[in-house]
Amino acid sequence: MSLGFGRHYLAIPGPSVMPDRVLNAMHVPAPNIYTGALVDTVDDIVADLRTLAHTKDNVAIYIANGHGAWEAANANVFSRGDRALSLATGRFGINWAAQAREMGVEIDVIDFGLRAPVDPQRVEEALRADTGHTYKAVLLTHVDTATSVRNDVQAVRQAMDAAGHPALLMVDCVASFACDPFEMDAWGVDVLVTASQKGLMTPPGLGILFFSDKAKHATRGNDLRTPYWDWQPRAEPAEFYQHFYGTAPTHLLLGLAEALNMILREEGYEAVMQRHRTLARTVWAAFDAWSHGSEIALNIADPAFRGHSVTAARMGAPHGTALREWTEKNVGVTLGIGLGMAEPGDPSWHGFLRVAHMGHVNAHMTLGVLSVMEAGLRALDIPHGPGALDAAAQVIASSC
């Protein structure tokens, strides 16, 4: 018998849960794309995005997913033959570097593995060794969606400054934006890459770039920039259509505007950050309990380096896949796969999973996911320690 009938819960790290209000905001006739309310809405969206990023810098919006936003960043920053340094702490750091390499950029990668954050000392050493200042940029992932590691962006900027290196700092914030605090200006970030489908609670389809004036001036005359990807007219359009190099993504914009209202004007930025911290600790408490006497473990050991939007865990093969399949089939909850944690075809791939707690998620949703996971562990006879639900409930009780 399946108990999965009813509203299904997609507990994967993107697309995240979309509020009914966001979906309803999109369920309207197409607006005028030349003048009127939509123009004012986009002005408000840009201002709100700046507030979330804590920046006064430039904003460019693309009809794209996060990978498209990567390409937009690469196309605007680099010329063919430029060099860059990528700091990888999981699949997404590796993939962003690979994409830049395919576009003609020479990429050096410092791979910190799948269970550790970036070491700023190694970054400083690598940049000091680049005596000719050949690196045009340093690529960093704030929270890697695959490993759930959260890197210290400010410490990386300090390492760059200590080395006296002029490279631009480019940061992927797709998994962390509107979930973990981010201070673009205060942390010295030159390019911020994000997208609509995670913390912004909007369907996939909007890629968003923030870029500093330093980045704008340092990249003039590069040869990878094309008319569609060019960030300048999108950030400073002479006419409204230039925001999007053509027809605006009208209904995604309407949904995003409603999501930003919910984040900034109703719940409030600090409350959103605190909610994500609390729900993350709730998940961690359950996994800590399950780990006693079993193979279950959080992928990132130190809580200081865990993202607050997604949790990656290890369970030993084949338990990760078995639990995901059980929860989806029997109770209507889809958990995230263990992305990039093992090579394709390696049986150990089946020993990983991820639990998302990003965007439009509250206590009962998180406790519900943990409860059905507990039920699955019991149903499948997967070894696990006791007390997970009590531990998770205590985090909630202590926070309210």
Protein backbone atom coordinates (compact mmCIF):
# COMPACT_ATOMS: atom_id res chain seq x y z
CA MET A 1 0.00 0.00 0.00
CA SER A 2 1.25 3.49 -0.84
CA LEU A 3 0.64 6.41 1.50
CA GLY A 4 2.02 8.82 -1.09
CA PHE A 5 -1.26 10.09 -2.48
CA GLY A 6 -1.88 13.77 -1.72
CA ARG A 7 0.49 16.68 -2.21
CA HIS A 8 3.94 15.39 -3.10
CA TYR A 9 6.93 17.01 -1.41
CA LEU A 10 10.01 17.59 -3.54
CA ALA A 11 12.78 17.78 -0.93
CA ILE A 12 15.56 18.17 -3.49
CA PRO A 13 17.96 21.13 -3.73
CA GLY A 14 16.23 22.81 -6.64
CA PRO A 15 13.77 23.41 -7.97
CA SER A 16 12.65 24.12 -4.46
CA VAL A 17 9.12 24.29 -3.10
CA MET A 18 7.24 27.12 -4.81
CA PRO A 19 4.68 29.02 -2.72
CA ASP A 20 1.11 29.00 -4.00
CA ARG A 21 1.28 32.79 -3.95
CA VAL A 22 4.20 32.75 -6.38
CA LEU A 23 2.38 30.34 -8.69
CA ASN A 24 -0.81 32.40 -8.46
CA ALA A 25 1.07 35.59 -9.28
CA MET A 26 2.10 33.93 -12.53
CA HIS A 27 -1.42 32.73 -13.34
CA VAL A 28 -2.53 35.93 -15.06
CA PRO A 29 -2.86 37.14 -18.65
CA ALA A 30 0.35 38.33 -20.31
CA PRO A 31 1.16 41.94 -19.38
CA ASN A 32 2.24 44.76 -21.66
CA ILE A 33 5.96 44.28 -22.36
CA TYR A 34 6.56 47.84 -23.55
CA THR A 35 5.30 50.11 -20.81
CA GLY A 36 3.29 50.17 -17.62
CA ALA A 37 3.27 47.92 -14.56
CA LEU A 38 5.85 45.39 -15.76
CA VAL A 39 8.49 48.10 -16.20
CA ASP A 40 7.95 49.27 -12.63
CA THR A 41 7.97 45.66 -11.39
CA VAL A 42 11.39 45.01 -12.94
CA ASP A 43 12.77 48.17 -11.34
CA ASP A 44 11.53 46.90 -7.97
CA ILE A 45 12.96 43.41 -8.61
CA VAL A 46 16.41 44.82 -9.36
CA ALA A 47 16.33 46.93 -6.19
CA ASP A 48 15.22 43.94 -4.10
CA LEU A 49 17.92 41.70 -5.58
CA ARG A 50 20.52 44.29 -4.63
CA THR A 51 19.15 44.27 -1.09
CA LEU A 52 19.46 40.48 -0.86
CA ALA A 53 23.04 40.55 -2.19
CA HIS A 54 23.98 43.53 -0.01
CA THR A 55 25.35 45.42 -2.97
CA LYS A 56 25.01 48.71 -4.83
CA ASP A 57 26.52 47.16 -7.94
CA ASN A 58 25.14 46.16 -11.33
CA VAL A 59 22.44 43.53 -11.92
CA ALA A 60 21.81 41.59 -15.14
CA ILE A 61 18.94 39.10 -15.52
CA TYR A 62 18.98 36.33 -18.14
CA ILE A 63 16.41 33.83 -19.36
CA ALA A 64 18.52 30.89 -18.23
CA ASN A 65 19.18 28.40 -15.44
CA GLY A 66 22.25 28.44 -13.22
CA HIS A 67 24.43 26.89 -15.92
CA GLY A 68 23.35 29.69 -18.24
CA ALA A 69 24.29 32.22 -15.58
CA TRP A 70 27.75 30.58 -15.41
CA GLU A 71 28.09 31.01 -19.16
CA ALA A 72 26.99 34.63 -18.92
CA ALA A 73 29.66 35.26 -16.28
CA ASN A 74 32.34 33.50 -18.32
CA ALA A 75 31.38 35.27 -21.53
CA ASN A 76 31.52 38.70 -19.93
CA VAL A 77 34.70 38.24 -17.90
CA PHE A 78 37.04 36.27 -20.13
CA SER A 79 38.71 36.28 -23.51
CA ARG A 80 39.99 33.12 -25.17
CA GLY A 81 43.36 32.26 -23.71
CA ASP A 82 42.77 34.02 -20.38
CA ARG A 83 43.74 32.13 -17.24
CA ALA A 84 41.66 31.57 -14.12
CA LEU A 85 41.97 29.70 -10.84
CA SER A 86 39.06 27.52 -9.74
CA LEU A 87 38.63 26.50 -6.10
CA ALA A 88 36.61 23.28 -6.17
CA THR A 89 34.78 21.75 -3.21
CA GLY A 90 32.40 19.51 -5.14
CA ARG A 91 30.75 18.89 -8.47
CA PHE A 92 29.65 22.45 -9.15
CA GLY A 93 33.07 24.00 -8.70
CA ILE A 94 34.46 21.36 -11.07
CA ASN A 95 31.70 21.88 -13.62
CA TRP A 96 31.93 25.67 -13.69
CA ALA A 97 35.65 25.33 -14.37
CA ALA A 98 34.97 22.75 -17.09
CA GLN A 99 32.50 25.05 -18.79
CA ALA A 100 34.99 27.93 -18.79
CA ARG A 101 37.64 25.59 -20.20
CA GLU A 102 35.31 24.59 -23.04
CA MET A 103 34.86 28.30 -23.83
CA GLY A 104 38.62 28.72 -24.30
CA VAL A 105 39.75 29.77 -20.83
CA GLU A 106 42.84 28.15 -19.32
CA ILE A 107 41.77 26.89 -15.92
CA ASP A 108 43.91 25.71 -13.03
CA VAL A 109 41.93 23.84 -10.38
CA ILE A 110 42.73 23.44 -6.71
CA ASP A 111 40.51 20.54 -5.70
CA PHE A 112 39.80 20.45 -1.97
CA GLY A 113 37.84 17.21 -2.27
CA LEU A 114 34.26 16.40 -1.37
CA ARG A 115 34.33 16.84 2.41
CA ALA A 116 36.33 19.99 3.11
CA PRO A 117 36.05 23.73 2.50
CA VAL A 118 38.52 25.89 0.65
CA ASP A 119 41.75 26.50 2.59
CA PRO A 120 42.52 30.23 2.23
CA GLN A 121 46.21 29.64 2.95
CA ARG A 122 46.54 27.42 -0.12
CA VAL A 123 44.75 30.07 -2.17
CA GLU A 124 47.19 32.75 -1.01
CA GLU A 125 50.14 30.51 -1.84
CA ALA A 126 48.82 29.80 -5.33
CA LEU A 127 48.28 33.46 -6.04
CA ARG A 128 51.69 34.47 -4.70
CA ALA A 129 53.19 31.91 -7.08
CA ASP A 130 51.44 33.67 -9.98
CA THR A 131 54.06 36.41 -10.03
CA GLY A 132 53.00 37.61 -13.47
CA HIS A 133 49.40 38.04 -12.32
CA THR A 134 48.18 35.88 -15.19
CA TYR A 135 45.02 34.77 -13.39
CA LYS A 136 42.21 37.06 -14.44
CA ALA A 137 39.75 35.64 -11.92
CA VAL A 138 39.27 33.24 -9.04
CA LEU A 139 36.16 31.03 -9.23
CA LEU A 140 34.55 29.97 -5.95
CA THR A 141 31.31 28.22 -4.98
CA HIS A 142 29.69 29.63 -1.84
CA VAL A 143 27.62 26.51 -1.09
CA ASP A 144 28.23 23.52 -3.32
CA THR A 145 24.85 21.90 -3.91
CA ALA A 146 26.40 18.44 -4.19
CA THR A 147 28.60 18.33 -1.10
CA SER A 148 26.73 20.97 0.96
CA VAL A 149 30.04 22.58 1.96
CA ARG A 150 29.85 26.32 2.67
CA ASN A 151 33.02 28.23 1.88
CA ASP A 152 34.23 31.35 3.66
CA VAL A 153 34.06 33.91 0.86
CA GLN A 154 35.45 36.73 2.94
CA ALA A 155 38.48 34.64 3.93
CA VAL A 156 39.19 33.90 0.26
CA ARG A 157 39.05 37.61 -0.56
CA GLN A 158 41.43 38.31 2.33
CA ALA A 159 43.82 35.67 0.96
CA MET A 160 43.70 37.32 -2.46
CA ASP A 161 44.42 40.71 -0.92
CA ALA A 162 47.24 39.31 1.21
CA ALA A 163 48.84 37.93 -1.95
CA GLY A 164 48.50 41.32 -3.60
CA HIS A 165 46.78 39.70 -6.58
CA PRO A 166 44.43 41.77 -8.79
CA ALA A 167 42.23 38.86 -9.94
CA LEU A 168 38.48 39.25 -9.89
CA LEU A 169 36.58 37.16 -7.33
CA MET A 170 33.66 35.32 -8.96
CA VAL A 171 31.26 33.43 -6.68
CA ASP A 172 28.53 30.89 -7.49
CA CYS A 173 25.67 31.54 -5.06
CA VAL A 174 22.99 29.47 -6.77
CA ALA A 175 22.45 27.18 -3.76
CA SER A 176 22.94 29.82 -1.08
CA PHE A 177 21.24 32.99 -2.31
CA ALA A 178 18.41 34.02 0.05
CA CYS A 179 19.29 31.07 2.32
CA ASP A 180 22.74 31.94 3.71
CA PRO A 181 23.91 35.49 4.45
CA PHE A 182 25.94 37.04 1.67
CA GLU A 183 27.68 40.42 1.66
CA MET A 184 28.81 41.11 -1.89
CA ASP A 185 30.26 44.57 -1.31
CA ALA A 186 31.66 44.02 2.18
CA TRP A 187 33.32 40.74 1.13
CA GLY A 188 34.88 42.20 -2.01
CA VAL A 189 33.07 39.99 -4.52
CA ASP A 190 33.28 41.13 -8.14
CA VAL A 191 30.83 38.75 -9.83
CA LEU A 192 27.95 36.93 -8.10
CA VAL A 193 26.08 34.19 -9.99
CA THR A 194 22.65 32.93 -8.92
CA ALA A 195 19.32 31.69 -10.27
CA SER A 196 15.63 31.72 -9.46
CA GLN A 197 14.84 28.11 -8.57
CA LYS A 198 16.26 27.66 -5.08
CA GLY A 199 16.15 30.25 -2.29
CA LEU A 200 14.20 32.65 -4.50
CA MET A 201 11.29 30.14 -4.62
CA THR A 202 10.52 30.77 -8.31
CA PRO A 203 10.44 28.25 -11.18
CA PRO A 204 13.70 27.63 -13.04
CA GLY A 205 14.36 30.04 -15.87
CA LEU A 206 16.01 33.18 -14.51
CA GLY A 207 19.79 33.43 -14.22
CA ILE A 208 21.02 36.48 -12.33
CA LEU A 209 24.43 38.16 -12.35
CA PHE A 210 25.71 40.91 -10.11
CA PHE A 211 28.95 42.57 -11.17
CA SER A 212 31.11 45.30 -9.71
CA ASP A 213 32.35 48.37 -11.53
CA LYS A 214 35.83 46.88 -11.18
CA ALA A 215 34.65 43.81 -13.12
CA LYS A 216 32.96 45.99 -15.71
CA HIS A 217 36.11 48.01 -16.38
CA ALA A 218 38.50 45.04 -16.17
CA THR A 219 36.65 43.09 -18.83
CA ARG A 220 36.14 45.71 -21.51
CA GLY A 221 37.23 44.50 -24.92
CA ASN A 222 37.12 40.78 -24.09
CA ASP A 223 36.33 38.51 -27.03
CA LEU A 224 33.94 35.95 -25.52
CA ARG A 225 31.13 38.46 -25.00
CA THR A 226 28.29 38.12 -27.50
CA PRO A 227 25.21 40.33 -27.99
CA TYR A 228 22.88 38.04 -26.06
CA TRP A 229 25.18 37.46 -23.07
CA ASP A 230 26.47 41.06 -22.85
CA TRP A 231 25.75 42.25 -19.33
CA GLN A 232 26.10 45.97 -19.98
CA PRO A 233 22.77 46.72 -21.75
CA ARG A 234 20.96 44.41 -19.35
CA ALA A 235 22.28 46.34 -16.36
CA GLU A 236 21.95 49.79 -17.94
CA PRO A 237 19.24 49.48 -20.61
CA ALA A 238 18.42 52.43 -22.81
CA GLU A 239 15.08 50.75 -23.51
CA PHE A 240 13.15 48.25 -21.42
CA TYR A 241 13.56 45.30 -23.82
CA GLN A 242 17.35 45.48 -23.39
CA HIS A 243 16.97 44.12 -19.87
CA PHE A 244 16.36 40.75 -21.55
CA TYR A 245 17.70 41.23 -25.10
CA GLY A 246 14.16 40.87 -26.38
CA THR A 247 10.86 39.73 -24.94
CA ALA A 248 10.81 39.78 -21.16
CA PRO A 249 10.21 36.50 -19.25
CA THR A 250 6.98 38.07 -18.04
CA HIS A 251 5.46 35.43 -15.81
CA LEU A 252 8.73 34.38 -14.19
CA LEU A 253 9.26 38.04 -13.31
CA LEU A 254 5.80 38.26 -11.76
CA GLY A 255 6.53 35.17 -9.71
CA LEU A 256 9.92 36.48 -8.62
CA ALA A 257 8.41 39.82 -7.58
CA GLU A 258 5.96 38.01 -5.30
CA ALA A 259 8.73 35.83 -3.85
CA LEU A 260 10.85 38.90 -3.09
CA ASN A 261 7.88 40.53 -1.36
CA MET A 262 7.50 37.47 0.83
CA ILE A 263 11.21 37.38 1.67
CA LEU A 264 11.94 41.05 2.26
CA ARG A 265 8.66 42.71 3.22
CA GLU A 266 6.76 40.02 5.08
CA GLU A 267 9.14 37.61 6.77
CA GLY A 268 12.18 39.89 6.60
CA TYR A 269 15.76 39.14 5.62
CA GLU A 270 17.11 38.32 9.09
CA ALA A 271 14.14 36.08 9.88
CA VAL A 272 14.64 34.19 6.61
CA MET A 273 18.30 33.62 7.47
CA GLN A 274 17.41 32.46 10.98
CA ARG A 275 14.72 30.10 9.68
CA HIS A 276 17.21 28.45 7.34
CA ARG A 277 19.78 28.12 10.13
CA THR A 278 17.24 26.53 12.45
CA LEU A 279 15.86 24.08 9.89
CA ALA A 280 19.40 23.08 8.93
CA ARG A 281 20.25 22.37 12.56
CA THR A 282 17.06 20.33 12.82
CA VAL A 283 18.18 18.07 9.98
CA TRP A 284 21.71 17.82 11.36
CA ALA A 285 20.39 16.79 14.79
CA ALA A 286 18.46 13.90 13.25
CA PHE A 287 21.45 12.71 11.25
CA ASP A 288 23.72 12.96 14.29
CA ALA A 289 21.36 10.63 16.15
CA TRP A 290 21.04 8.22 13.23
CA SER A 291 24.82 8.06 12.93
CA HIS A 292 25.33 6.32 16.28
CA GLY A 293 26.45 2.76 15.63
CA SER A 294 25.81 3.00 11.87
CA GLU A 295 27.36 4.06 8.57
CA ILE A 296 25.14 7.15 8.41
CA ALA A 297 27.10 10.40 8.53
CA LEU A 298 26.82 14.01 7.48
CA ASN A 299 29.13 14.71 4.56
CA ILE A 300 30.63 17.84 6.16
CA ALA A 301 31.81 17.11 9.69
CA ASP A 302 32.26 20.70 10.91
CA PRO A 303 28.93 22.59 11.24
CA ALA A 304 30.78 25.85 10.60
CA PHE A 305 31.29 24.80 7.00
CA ARG A 306 27.83 23.40 6.24
CA GLY A 307 25.38 25.26 4.03
CA HIS A 308 21.99 26.08 5.49
CA SER A 309 20.01 25.22 2.36
CA VAL A 310 20.92 21.58 1.73
CA THR A 311 22.43 18.67 3.66
CA ALA A 312 24.49 15.96 1.97
CA ALA A 313 24.76 12.64 3.80
CA ARG A 314 26.51 9.29 3.51
CA MET A 315 24.72 6.04 4.34
CA GLY A 316 26.71 3.29 2.68
CA ALA A 317 25.59 1.56 -0.52
CA PRO A 318 22.89 0.65 -1.36
CA HIS A 319 21.08 2.37 1.50
CA GLY A 320 20.97 5.89 0.03
CA THR A 321 19.20 4.83 -3.14
CA ALA A 322 17.00 2.35 -1.30
CA LEU A 323 15.78 5.00 1.14
CA ARG A 324 15.14 7.55 -1.62
CA GLU A 325 13.12 5.03 -3.62
CA TRP A 326 11.14 3.98 -0.55
CA THR A 327 10.18 7.52 0.48
CA GLU A 328 9.17 8.50 -3.05
CA LYS A 329 7.09 5.37 -3.70
CA ASN A 330 5.49 4.94 -0.32
CA VAL A 331 5.12 8.34 1.31
CA GLY A 332 5.28 10.97 -1.44
CA VAL A 333 8.64 12.55 -0.56
CA THR A 334 11.45 12.86 -3.11
CA LEU A 335 14.93 13.18 -1.64
CA GLY A 336 17.96 14.39 -3.58
CA ILE A 337 20.45 12.04 -5.20
CA GLY A 338 24.07 11.96 -4.08
CA LEU A 339 25.28 14.13 -6.93
CA GLY A 340 28.94 13.78 -7.89
CA MET A 341 29.89 11.76 -4.83
CA ALA A 342 31.04 8.74 -6.84
CA GLU A 343 31.87 8.02 -10.46
CA PRO A 344 29.04 6.86 -12.74
CA GLY A 345 28.76 3.09 -12.57
CA ASP A 346 30.49 2.87 -9.20
CA PRO A 347 28.19 0.92 -6.83
CA SER A 348 29.15 3.27 -3.99
CA TRP A 349 27.05 5.96 -5.74
CA HIS A 350 24.03 4.33 -4.09
CA GLY A 351 25.29 5.24 -0.63
CA PHE A 352 24.56 8.98 -0.77
CA LEU A 353 21.57 11.30 -0.63
CA ARG A 354 20.70 14.93 0.02
CA VAL A 355 17.91 16.65 1.95
CA ALA A 356 16.96 20.17 0.89
CA HIS A 357 15.66 22.76 3.35
CA MET A 358 15.70 25.85 1.18
CA GLY A 359 13.20 28.50 0.27
CA HIS A 360 9.52 28.00 1.13
CA VAL A 361 10.08 25.42 3.88
CA ASN A 362 8.93 25.48 7.49
CA ALA A 363 9.22 23.37 10.63
CA HIS A 364 6.43 20.91 9.95
CA MET A 365 7.71 20.26 6.43
CA THR A 366 11.22 19.55 7.71
CA LEU A 367 10.03 17.42 10.62
CA GLY A 368 7.76 15.55 8.20
CA VAL A 369 10.67 14.70 5.90
CA LEU A 370 12.72 13.45 8.83
CA SER A 371 9.79 11.37 10.10
CA VAL A 372 9.28 9.60 6.77
CA MET A 373 13.03 9.00 6.54
CA GLU A 374 12.88 7.41 9.98
CA ALA A 375 9.99 5.24 8.79
CA GLY A 376 11.99 4.23 5.73
CA LEU A 377 15.06 3.33 7.78
CA ARG A 378 12.88 1.05 9.88
CA ALA A 379 10.99 -0.46 6.95
CA LEU A 380 14.22 -1.25 5.12
CA ASP A 381 16.09 -2.44 8.23
CA ILE A 382 18.87 0.08 7.60
CA PRO A 383 21.01 0.30 10.74
CA HIS A 384 20.59 3.65 12.50
CA GLY A 385 20.84 5.10 15.95
CA PRO A 386 17.80 6.04 18.07
CA GLY A 387 16.36 9.40 19.08
CA ALA A 388 16.54 11.28 15.78
CA LEU A 389 13.02 12.67 15.87
CA ASP A 390 13.32 13.68 19.52
CA ALA A 391 16.57 15.49 18.72
CA ALA A 392 15.04 17.26 15.74
CA ALA A 393 11.95 18.28 17.71
CA GLN A 394 14.14 19.67 20.48
CA VAL A 395 15.88 22.01 18.03
CA ILE A 396 12.50 23.39 16.96
CA ALA A 397 11.24 23.63 20.54
CA SER A 398 14.35 25.50 21.66
CA SER A 399 14.08 27.98 18.79
CA CYS A 400 10.50 29.14 19.23
